[in-house]
Amino acid sequence: MKKIEAQKLKKLMDDIYYRPFANVVHFSDEDIGLSTELAHYCTQKEYSYQLNTPDEAFAAEAKAAFGELPSAKAFKMPLSRPKFRIAGKEYEYFILTLEIDASERTLFLRKAHDIIRSHGKIVIFIPKGDRTLQDQWIADLEETLFVATSVLEGIFDHYDIILSTKMHGWGESR
C-alpha cells in the first residue's frame, strides 16, 4: 500500500466531523507514520484513537510510537475475531487502510457496523480510479446497512475515499 498523506487525512477529518469529541478506530497493518500522525491529531482534538491491527509486530511498533499519548491505544486484533467490540466502546469514525479480501468483506463490514455509533462514518481507502473495487465496496456497504455512501476523488495522490454512514433503524434486521 502506498503512503497516505497524513495532512490531507487530518483535513478530511476536519471537514467531515463537527462534534467536539470523537472516538476514532483505525484498522491498518502498515504505515506507522500515518498511525502516529492520527494518534497525535486525535490527542490534539481531545479524541480517543484506537489502532487495531492483525499484525502483532505492527501493534508493538505502534504502542512504542504512541509513547505517553493519553488517548491513543494499539491492539492486535485478528480479523477472524467474532466481534471487534472492546469493553462496549463505539466509534464516530472507522478508518480502514487495511486491505480486506473480497470474500471476507461482508463479514468485516457487519462487525464494523456493530461498533460504529449511529450517524458514525466509515472511511475506506481504495486505490485511485479502481471503479470495479468502488462498486464492490458500495454494494457491500449497502448490503450491511450503511447509507449515504459517496466516493471522494482527488483528495489523495494514490487513493480514493469511500465514505458511508451508519444510521440507526435503517434497513432490515440481519
N, C-alpha and C. Protein backbone atom coordinates (compact mmCIF):
# COMPACT_ATOMS: atom_id res chain seq x y z
N MET A 1 0.85 -1.17 0.00
CA MET A 1 0.00 0.00 0.00
C MET A 1 0.89 1.23 0.00
N LYS A 2 0.58 2.19 -0.86
CA LYS A 2 1.36 3.43 -0.92
C LYS A 2 1.00 4.32 0.27
N LYS A 3 1.90 5.22 0.60
CA LYS A 3 1.70 6.10 1.75
C LYS A 3 0.48 7.01 1.54
N ILE A 4 -0.26 7.21 2.61
CA ILE A 4 -1.39 8.13 2.62
C ILE A 4 -0.89 9.43 3.25
N GLU A 5 -1.18 10.53 2.62
CA GLU A 5 -0.72 11.81 3.11
C GLU A 5 -1.46 12.18 4.39
N ALA A 6 -0.75 12.19 5.51
CA ALA A 6 -1.37 12.39 6.82
C ALA A 6 -2.05 13.75 6.93
N GLN A 7 -1.44 14.80 6.39
CA GLN A 7 -2.03 16.13 6.48
C GLN A 7 -3.37 16.20 5.75
N LYS A 8 -3.45 15.52 4.61
CA LYS A 8 -4.70 15.51 3.87
C LYS A 8 -5.77 14.71 4.61
N LEU A 9 -5.37 13.64 5.29
CA LEU A 9 -6.33 12.87 6.08
C LEU A 9 -6.86 13.71 7.24
N LYS A 10 -6.00 14.45 7.90
CA LYS A 10 -6.45 15.31 9.00
C LYS A 10 -7.42 16.38 8.49
N LYS A 11 -7.15 16.93 7.32
CA LYS A 11 -8.04 17.92 6.72
C LYS A 11 -9.39 17.27 6.40
N LEU A 12 -9.36 16.06 5.84
CA LEU A 12 -10.60 15.35 5.55
C LEU A 12 -11.40 15.14 6.83
N MET A 13 -10.75 14.72 7.90
CA MET A 13 -11.44 14.50 9.16
C MET A 13 -12.04 15.80 9.68
N ASP A 14 -11.31 16.90 9.58
CA ASP A 14 -11.85 18.19 9.99
C ASP A 14 -13.10 18.55 9.19
N ASP A 15 -13.09 18.19 7.90
CA ASP A 15 -14.20 18.53 7.02
C ASP A 15 -15.45 17.68 7.26
N ILE A 16 -15.28 16.41 7.65
CA ILE A 16 -16.45 15.54 7.76
C ILE A 16 -16.94 15.37 9.19
N TYR A 17 -16.25 15.89 10.18
CA TYR A 17 -16.70 15.71 11.55
C TYR A 17 -16.85 17.04 12.24
N TYR A 18 -17.89 17.20 13.01
CA TYR A 18 -18.22 18.51 13.56
C TYR A 18 -18.39 18.53 15.07
N ARG A 19 -18.27 17.41 15.74
CA ARG A 19 -18.51 17.37 17.18
C ARG A 19 -17.22 17.65 17.95
N PRO A 20 -17.34 18.06 19.20
CA PRO A 20 -16.14 18.40 19.97
C PRO A 20 -15.36 17.19 20.48
N PHE A 21 -15.94 16.00 20.46
CA PHE A 21 -15.24 14.82 20.93
C PHE A 21 -15.60 13.66 20.02
N ALA A 22 -14.64 12.77 19.79
CA ALA A 22 -14.93 11.60 18.95
C ALA A 22 -14.05 10.44 19.37
N ASN A 23 -14.58 9.26 19.17
CA ASN A 23 -13.79 8.04 19.28
C ASN A 23 -13.47 7.60 17.86
N VAL A 24 -12.19 7.37 17.60
CA VAL A 24 -11.72 7.00 16.27
C VAL A 24 -11.07 5.64 16.35
N VAL A 25 -11.48 4.72 15.46
CA VAL A 25 -10.83 3.43 15.35
C VAL A 25 -10.25 3.33 13.95
N HIS A 26 -9.06 2.79 13.87
CA HIS A 26 -8.34 2.68 12.60
C HIS A 26 -7.85 1.25 12.45
N PHE A 27 -8.24 0.60 11.37
CA PHE A 27 -7.76 -0.74 11.06
C PHE A 27 -6.67 -0.61 10.01
N SER A 28 -5.47 -1.07 10.36
CA SER A 28 -4.32 -0.95 9.45
C SER A 28 -3.32 -2.03 9.80
N ASP A 29 -2.40 -2.27 8.86
CA ASP A 29 -1.31 -3.20 9.17
C ASP A 29 0.04 -2.67 8.68
N GLU A 30 0.06 -1.37 8.34
CA GLU A 30 1.32 -0.76 7.91
C GLU A 30 1.21 0.76 8.01
N ASP A 31 2.31 1.43 7.72
CA ASP A 31 2.43 2.89 7.73
C ASP A 31 2.32 3.45 9.15
N ILE A 32 3.36 3.18 9.92
CA ILE A 32 3.41 3.67 11.30
C ILE A 32 3.37 5.19 11.36
N GLY A 33 3.89 5.84 10.33
CA GLY A 33 3.86 7.30 10.29
C GLY A 33 2.44 7.83 10.28
N LEU A 34 1.59 7.25 9.47
CA LEU A 34 0.19 7.68 9.41
C LEU A 34 -0.51 7.42 10.74
N SER A 35 -0.31 6.24 11.30
CA SER A 35 -0.95 5.90 12.58
C SER A 35 -0.49 6.85 13.69
N THR A 36 0.79 7.18 13.69
CA THR A 36 1.32 8.10 14.71
C THR A 36 0.75 9.50 14.51
N GLU A 37 0.68 9.95 13.25
CA GLU A 37 0.08 11.27 12.96
C GLU A 37 -1.37 11.31 13.43
N LEU A 38 -2.12 10.25 13.15
CA LEU A 38 -3.51 10.20 13.60
C LEU A 38 -3.62 10.20 15.12
N ALA A 39 -2.74 9.49 15.78
CA ALA A 39 -2.75 9.47 17.25
C ALA A 39 -2.49 10.87 17.80
N HIS A 40 -1.54 11.58 17.23
CA HIS A 40 -1.25 12.96 17.69
C HIS A 40 -2.42 13.89 17.36
N TYR A 41 -2.97 13.75 16.16
CA TYR A 41 -4.13 14.57 15.76
C TYR A 41 -5.28 14.37 16.74
N CYS A 42 -5.58 13.12 17.06
CA CYS A 42 -6.68 12.82 17.97
C CYS A 42 -6.41 13.36 19.37
N THR A 43 -5.18 13.27 19.81
CA THR A 43 -4.82 13.82 21.12
C THR A 43 -5.03 15.32 21.14
N GLN A 44 -4.59 15.99 20.07
CA GLN A 44 -4.75 17.45 19.97
C GLN A 44 -6.23 17.84 19.98
N LYS A 45 -7.08 17.06 19.32
CA LYS A 45 -8.51 17.35 19.24
C LYS A 45 -9.29 16.83 20.45
N GLU A 46 -8.59 16.16 21.36
CA GLU A 46 -9.21 15.52 22.52
C GLU A 46 -10.15 14.39 22.10
N TYR A 47 -9.76 13.68 21.04
CA TYR A 47 -10.45 12.48 20.59
C TYR A 47 -9.70 11.28 21.18
N SER A 48 -10.35 10.14 21.21
CA SER A 48 -9.62 8.92 21.53
C SER A 48 -9.30 8.22 20.21
N TYR A 49 -8.14 7.60 20.14
CA TYR A 49 -7.69 6.92 18.93
C TYR A 49 -7.30 5.50 19.28
N GLN A 50 -7.86 4.55 18.53
CA GLN A 50 -7.51 3.15 18.74
C GLN A 50 -7.11 2.54 17.41
N LEU A 51 -5.90 2.02 17.36
CA LEU A 51 -5.41 1.30 16.18
C LEU A 51 -5.62 -0.18 16.42
N ASN A 52 -6.31 -0.83 15.50
CA ASN A 52 -6.49 -2.28 15.53
C ASN A 52 -5.75 -2.86 14.33
N THR A 53 -4.94 -3.87 14.59
CA THR A 53 -4.17 -4.48 13.52
C THR A 53 -4.07 -5.99 13.73
N PRO A 54 -4.12 -6.74 12.63
CA PRO A 54 -3.92 -8.18 12.77
C PRO A 54 -2.45 -8.56 12.94
N ASP A 55 -1.56 -7.60 12.79
CA ASP A 55 -0.12 -7.84 12.82
C ASP A 55 0.46 -7.51 14.19
N GLU A 56 0.92 -8.53 14.89
CA GLU A 56 1.44 -8.35 16.26
C GLU A 56 2.64 -7.41 16.31
N ALA A 57 3.55 -7.53 15.35
CA ALA A 57 4.73 -6.66 15.32
C ALA A 57 4.33 -5.21 15.09
N PHE A 58 3.35 -4.98 14.22
CA PHE A 58 2.89 -3.61 13.96
C PHE A 58 2.22 -3.04 15.21
N ALA A 59 1.46 -3.85 15.92
CA ALA A 59 0.83 -3.39 17.17
C ALA A 59 1.88 -2.96 18.18
N ALA A 60 2.94 -3.75 18.32
CA ALA A 60 4.03 -3.40 19.26
C ALA A 60 4.74 -2.13 18.82
N GLU A 61 4.98 -2.00 17.51
CA GLU A 61 5.63 -0.79 16.99
C GLU A 61 4.76 0.45 17.25
N ALA A 62 3.46 0.30 17.06
CA ALA A 62 2.54 1.42 17.29
C ALA A 62 2.50 1.80 18.76
N LYS A 63 2.45 0.81 19.65
CA LYS A 63 2.45 1.12 21.09
C LYS A 63 3.68 1.92 21.47
N ALA A 64 4.83 1.54 20.93
CA ALA A 64 6.07 2.26 21.22
C ALA A 64 6.02 3.67 20.62
N ALA A 65 5.49 3.80 19.42
CA ALA A 65 5.44 5.09 18.75
C ALA A 65 4.47 6.05 19.43
N PHE A 66 3.38 5.52 19.99
CA PHE A 66 2.40 6.36 20.66
C PHE A 66 2.91 6.87 21.99
N GLY A 67 3.90 6.17 22.56
CA GLY A 67 4.51 6.61 23.80
C GLY A 67 3.50 6.91 24.89
N GLU A 68 3.56 8.11 25.38
CA GLU A 68 2.72 8.52 26.51
C GLU A 68 1.45 9.25 26.08
N LEU A 69 1.07 9.16 24.82
CA LEU A 69 -0.17 9.83 24.40
C LEU A 69 -1.34 9.23 25.19
N PRO A 70 -2.05 10.06 25.93
CA PRO A 70 -3.07 9.52 26.84
C PRO A 70 -4.28 8.91 26.15
N SER A 71 -4.57 9.33 24.94
CA SER A 71 -5.81 8.86 24.31
C SER A 71 -5.56 7.93 23.12
N ALA A 72 -4.33 7.44 22.96
CA ALA A 72 -4.01 6.56 21.83
C ALA A 72 -3.66 5.16 22.33
N LYS A 73 -4.29 4.18 21.71
CA LYS A 73 -4.06 2.78 22.06
C LYS A 73 -3.85 1.98 20.79
N ALA A 74 -3.11 0.89 20.90
CA ALA A 74 -2.93 -0.04 19.78
C ALA A 74 -3.19 -1.45 20.28
N PHE A 75 -3.93 -2.21 19.47
CA PHE A 75 -4.27 -3.58 19.83
C PHE A 75 -4.02 -4.51 18.66
N LYS A 76 -3.54 -5.71 18.96
CA LYS A 76 -3.52 -6.76 17.96
C LYS A 76 -4.94 -7.31 17.92
N MET A 77 -5.54 -7.27 16.74
CA MET A 77 -6.91 -7.75 16.61
C MET A 77 -7.03 -8.59 15.33
N PRO A 78 -7.05 -9.90 15.48
CA PRO A 78 -7.22 -10.74 14.30
C PRO A 78 -8.57 -10.46 13.63
N LEU A 79 -8.57 -10.43 12.32
CA LEU A 79 -9.83 -10.19 11.59
C LEU A 79 -10.80 -11.35 11.76
N SER A 80 -10.29 -12.50 12.18
CA SER A 80 -11.14 -13.68 12.42
C SER A 80 -11.89 -13.59 13.75
N ARG A 81 -11.56 -12.60 14.56
CA ARG A 81 -12.23 -12.43 15.84
C ARG A 81 -13.74 -12.32 15.62
N PRO A 82 -14.56 -12.95 16.46
CA PRO A 82 -16.01 -12.93 16.24
C PRO A 82 -16.63 -11.53 16.27
N LYS A 83 -16.09 -10.65 17.11
CA LYS A 83 -16.59 -9.27 17.21
C LYS A 83 -15.40 -8.33 17.40
N PHE A 84 -15.55 -7.10 16.94
CA PHE A 84 -14.49 -6.10 17.10
C PHE A 84 -14.69 -5.25 18.36
N ARG A 85 -15.80 -5.41 19.04
CA ARG A 85 -16.11 -4.58 20.20
C ARG A 85 -15.18 -4.90 21.37
N ILE A 86 -14.66 -3.84 21.99
CA ILE A 86 -13.85 -3.97 23.19
C ILE A 86 -14.49 -3.10 24.27
N ALA A 87 -14.90 -3.71 25.35
CA ALA A 87 -15.46 -3.01 26.51
C ALA A 87 -16.64 -2.11 26.14
N GLY A 88 -17.44 -2.53 25.18
CA GLY A 88 -18.65 -1.79 24.84
C GLY A 88 -18.43 -0.48 24.11
N LYS A 89 -17.23 -0.20 23.68
CA LYS A 89 -16.91 1.09 23.05
C LYS A 89 -17.47 1.17 21.63
N GLU A 90 -18.01 2.35 21.28
CA GLU A 90 -18.48 2.64 19.94
C GLU A 90 -17.71 3.84 19.40
N TYR A 91 -17.69 3.97 18.08
CA TYR A 91 -16.83 4.96 17.43
C TYR A 91 -17.63 5.85 16.48
N GLU A 92 -17.22 7.11 16.40
CA GLU A 92 -17.79 8.04 15.43
C GLU A 92 -17.10 7.91 14.07
N TYR A 93 -15.83 7.54 14.10
CA TYR A 93 -15.05 7.33 12.88
C TYR A 93 -14.51 5.91 12.86
N PHE A 94 -14.61 5.28 11.71
CA PHE A 94 -13.99 3.97 11.49
C PHE A 94 -13.16 4.13 10.22
N ILE A 95 -11.84 4.18 10.36
CA ILE A 95 -10.95 4.39 9.22
C ILE A 95 -10.34 3.04 8.83
N LEU A 96 -10.41 2.73 7.55
CA LEU A 96 -9.90 1.46 7.05
C LEU A 96 -8.83 1.71 6.00
N THR A 97 -7.59 1.38 6.35
CA THR A 97 -6.48 1.42 5.39
C THR A 97 -5.90 0.03 5.20
N LEU A 98 -6.57 -0.94 5.71
CA LEU A 98 -6.18 -2.35 5.62
C LEU A 98 -6.91 -2.97 4.43
N GLU A 99 -6.20 -3.75 3.64
CA GLU A 99 -6.86 -4.43 2.52
C GLU A 99 -7.66 -5.62 3.07
N ILE A 100 -8.92 -5.69 2.65
CA ILE A 100 -9.81 -6.77 3.07
C ILE A 100 -10.15 -7.59 1.84
N ASP A 101 -9.93 -8.89 1.93
CA ASP A 101 -10.24 -9.78 0.82
C ASP A 101 -11.74 -9.73 0.52
N ALA A 102 -12.09 -9.76 -0.75
CA ALA A 102 -13.50 -9.67 -1.16
C ALA A 102 -14.37 -10.71 -0.48
N SER A 103 -13.85 -11.91 -0.26
CA SER A 103 -14.63 -12.98 0.36
C SER A 103 -14.90 -12.72 1.84
N GLU A 104 -14.15 -11.82 2.46
CA GLU A 104 -14.31 -11.51 3.89
C GLU A 104 -14.96 -10.16 4.14
N ARG A 105 -15.22 -9.42 3.07
CA ARG A 105 -15.65 -8.02 3.20
C ARG A 105 -16.99 -7.87 3.91
N THR A 106 -17.98 -8.66 3.55
CA THR A 106 -19.31 -8.51 4.16
C THR A 106 -19.26 -8.80 5.65
N LEU A 107 -18.60 -9.87 6.05
CA LEU A 107 -18.47 -10.18 7.47
C LEU A 107 -17.71 -9.08 8.20
N PHE A 108 -16.64 -8.59 7.58
CA PHE A 108 -15.87 -7.49 8.19
C PHE A 108 -16.77 -6.27 8.40
N LEU A 109 -17.55 -5.90 7.39
CA LEU A 109 -18.41 -4.71 7.49
C LEU A 109 -19.52 -4.91 8.53
N ARG A 110 -20.02 -6.12 8.68
CA ARG A 110 -21.03 -6.36 9.73
C ARG A 110 -20.43 -6.15 11.11
N LYS A 111 -19.21 -6.63 11.30
CA LYS A 111 -18.54 -6.43 12.60
C LYS A 111 -18.22 -4.95 12.82
N ALA A 112 -17.85 -4.26 11.74
CA ALA A 112 -17.59 -2.82 11.83
C ALA A 112 -18.88 -2.07 12.18
N HIS A 113 -19.97 -2.44 11.52
CA HIS A 113 -21.27 -1.79 11.76
C HIS A 113 -21.64 -1.85 13.24
N ASP A 114 -21.33 -2.96 13.88
CA ASP A 114 -21.68 -3.15 15.29
C ASP A 114 -20.95 -2.20 16.24
N ILE A 115 -19.81 -1.65 15.83
CA ILE A 115 -19.06 -0.78 16.75
C ILE A 115 -19.09 0.69 16.35
N ILE A 116 -19.80 1.01 15.29
CA ILE A 116 -19.93 2.41 14.87
C ILE A 116 -21.22 2.97 15.45
N ARG A 117 -21.12 4.16 16.04
CA ARG A 117 -22.30 4.82 16.60
C ARG A 117 -23.25 5.23 15.48
N SER A 118 -24.51 5.42 15.83
CA SER A 118 -25.47 5.94 14.87
C SER A 118 -24.97 7.30 14.37
N HIS A 119 -25.02 7.51 13.10
CA HIS A 119 -24.51 8.70 12.39
C HIS A 119 -22.99 8.68 12.25
N GLY A 120 -22.35 7.61 12.71
CA GLY A 120 -20.90 7.49 12.57
C GLY A 120 -20.51 7.21 11.13
N LYS A 121 -19.26 7.51 10.81
CA LYS A 121 -18.75 7.38 9.44
C LYS A 121 -17.73 6.26 9.34
N ILE A 122 -17.81 5.54 8.22
CA ILE A 122 -16.74 4.62 7.85
C ILE A 122 -16.02 5.27 6.68
N VAL A 123 -14.70 5.31 6.77
CA VAL A 123 -13.85 5.95 5.77
C VAL A 123 -12.92 4.87 5.23
N ILE A 124 -13.13 4.50 3.97
CA ILE A 124 -12.40 3.39 3.36
C ILE A 124 -11.48 3.91 2.26
N PHE A 125 -10.22 3.56 2.35
CA PHE A 125 -9.25 3.94 1.32
C PHE A 125 -9.14 2.82 0.29
N ILE A 126 -9.30 3.18 -0.99
CA ILE A 126 -9.13 2.22 -2.08
C ILE A 126 -8.21 2.83 -3.13
N PRO A 127 -7.54 2.01 -3.95
CA PRO A 127 -6.64 2.55 -4.97
C PRO A 127 -7.37 3.51 -5.91
N LYS A 128 -6.71 4.61 -6.21
CA LYS A 128 -7.27 5.66 -7.05
C LYS A 128 -7.74 5.11 -8.40
N GLY A 129 -8.97 5.45 -8.76
CA GLY A 129 -9.51 5.13 -10.07
C GLY A 129 -9.99 3.71 -10.27
N ASP A 130 -9.99 2.87 -9.24
CA ASP A 130 -10.43 1.48 -9.37
C ASP A 130 -11.95 1.42 -9.24
N ARG A 131 -12.65 1.63 -10.36
CA ARG A 131 -14.12 1.69 -10.36
C ARG A 131 -14.76 0.35 -9.99
N THR A 132 -14.14 -0.73 -10.39
CA THR A 132 -14.68 -2.05 -10.05
C THR A 132 -14.67 -2.25 -8.55
N LEU A 133 -13.55 -1.94 -7.91
CA LEU A 133 -13.46 -2.08 -6.45
C LEU A 133 -14.42 -1.11 -5.76
N GLN A 134 -14.55 0.10 -6.27
CA GLN A 134 -15.52 1.06 -5.72
C GLN A 134 -16.92 0.45 -5.72
N ASP A 135 -17.32 -0.08 -6.86
CA ASP A 135 -18.67 -0.65 -6.98
C ASP A 135 -18.86 -1.82 -6.03
N GLN A 136 -17.83 -2.66 -5.89
CA GLN A 136 -17.92 -3.80 -4.98
C GLN A 136 -18.09 -3.34 -3.53
N TRP A 137 -17.27 -2.36 -3.11
CA TRP A 137 -17.37 -1.85 -1.74
C TRP A 137 -18.74 -1.21 -1.50
N ILE A 138 -19.21 -0.43 -2.46
CA ILE A 138 -20.50 0.25 -2.29
C ILE A 138 -21.63 -0.78 -2.16
N ALA A 139 -21.61 -1.81 -2.96
CA ALA A 139 -22.62 -2.87 -2.86
C ALA A 139 -22.54 -3.57 -1.49
N ASP A 140 -21.32 -3.84 -1.04
CA ASP A 140 -21.15 -4.49 0.27
C ASP A 140 -21.60 -3.57 1.41
N LEU A 141 -21.34 -2.28 1.29
CA LEU A 141 -21.79 -1.33 2.31
C LEU A 141 -23.32 -1.31 2.37
N GLU A 142 -23.96 -1.26 1.22
CA GLU A 142 -25.42 -1.26 1.20
C GLU A 142 -25.98 -2.55 1.79
N GLU A 143 -25.36 -3.66 1.47
CA GLU A 143 -25.81 -4.96 1.99
C GLU A 143 -25.71 -5.02 3.52
N THR A 144 -24.74 -4.31 4.07
CA THR A 144 -24.52 -4.35 5.52
C THR A 144 -25.11 -3.13 6.22
N LEU A 145 -26.07 -2.47 5.57
CA LEU A 145 -26.91 -1.43 6.15
C LEU A 145 -26.23 -0.08 6.36
N PHE A 146 -25.18 0.20 5.62
CA PHE A 146 -24.62 1.55 5.60
C PHE A 146 -25.37 2.35 4.55
N VAL A 147 -25.49 3.66 4.77
CA VAL A 147 -26.27 4.52 3.87
C VAL A 147 -25.47 5.78 3.54
N ALA A 148 -26.05 6.58 2.64
CA ALA A 148 -25.45 7.87 2.25
C ALA A 148 -24.00 7.69 1.82
N THR A 149 -23.75 6.69 0.99
CA THR A 149 -22.40 6.38 0.55
C THR A 149 -22.00 7.30 -0.58
N SER A 150 -20.77 7.79 -0.50
CA SER A 150 -20.24 8.63 -1.58
C SER A 150 -18.76 8.31 -1.77
N VAL A 151 -18.26 8.67 -2.94
CA VAL A 151 -16.85 8.47 -3.26
C VAL A 151 -16.22 9.85 -3.38
N LEU A 152 -15.13 10.04 -2.66
CA LEU A 152 -14.39 11.30 -2.71
C LEU A 152 -13.12 11.06 -3.51
N GLU A 153 -13.00 11.77 -4.62
CA GLU A 153 -11.85 11.60 -5.50
C GLU A 153 -11.01 12.87 -5.51
N GLY A 154 -9.74 12.72 -5.80
CA GLY A 154 -8.88 13.88 -5.99
C GLY A 154 -8.29 14.49 -4.73
N ILE A 155 -8.56 13.90 -3.58
CA ILE A 155 -8.01 14.43 -2.33
C ILE A 155 -6.60 13.88 -2.10
N PHE A 156 -6.43 12.59 -2.33
CA PHE A 156 -5.16 11.92 -2.09
C PHE A 156 -4.51 11.55 -3.42
N ASP A 157 -3.19 11.47 -3.42
CA ASP A 157 -2.45 11.18 -4.64
C ASP A 157 -2.69 9.76 -5.16
N HIS A 158 -2.83 8.80 -4.27
CA HIS A 158 -2.90 7.40 -4.68
C HIS A 158 -4.20 6.70 -4.31
N TYR A 159 -5.11 7.41 -3.67
CA TYR A 159 -6.32 6.75 -3.16
C TYR A 159 -7.56 7.59 -3.41
N ASP A 160 -8.68 6.89 -3.56
CA ASP A 160 -10.00 7.48 -3.47
C ASP A 160 -10.58 7.06 -2.13
N ILE A 161 -11.56 7.79 -1.67
CA ILE A 161 -12.17 7.52 -0.37
C ILE A 161 -13.63 7.12 -0.60
N ILE A 162 -14.04 6.06 0.05
CA ILE A 162 -15.46 5.74 0.12
C ILE A 162 -15.90 6.12 1.53
N LEU A 163 -16.90 6.97 1.60
CA LEU A 163 -17.41 7.47 2.86
C LEU A 163 -18.86 7.02 2.98
N SER A 164 -19.19 6.39 4.10
CA SER A 164 -20.55 5.92 4.29
C SER A 164 -20.94 6.12 5.75
N THR A 165 -22.24 6.07 6.01
CA THR A 165 -22.77 6.40 7.33
C THR A 165 -23.62 5.26 7.87
N LYS A 166 -23.48 5.05 9.17
CA LYS A 166 -24.38 4.12 9.87
C LYS A 166 -25.53 4.96 10.41
N MET A 167 -26.74 4.54 10.08
CA MET A 167 -27.92 5.22 10.59
C MET A 167 -28.75 4.23 11.40
N HIS A 168 -29.12 4.58 12.59
CA HIS A 168 -29.92 3.73 13.45
C HIS A 168 -31.29 3.48 12.83
N GLY A 169 -31.69 2.23 12.78
CA GLY A 169 -33.03 1.90 12.36
C GLY A 169 -33.23 1.80 10.86
N TRP A 170 -32.16 1.94 10.07
CA TRP A 170 -32.29 1.83 8.62
C TRP A 170 -32.06 0.40 8.20
N GLY A 171 -32.80 -0.05 7.21
CA GLY A 171 -32.58 -1.37 6.64
C GLY A 171 -33.29 -2.44 7.44
N GLU A 172 -33.19 -3.64 6.91
CA GLU A 172 -33.81 -4.79 7.57
C GLU A 172 -32.89 -5.32 8.65
N SER A 173 -33.45 -6.01 9.60
CA SER A 173 -32.61 -6.61 10.62
C SER A 173 -31.87 -7.79 10.01
N ARG A 174 -30.70 -8.06 10.54
CA ARG A 174 -29.87 -9.16 9.99
C ARG A 174 -30.19 -10.45 10.67
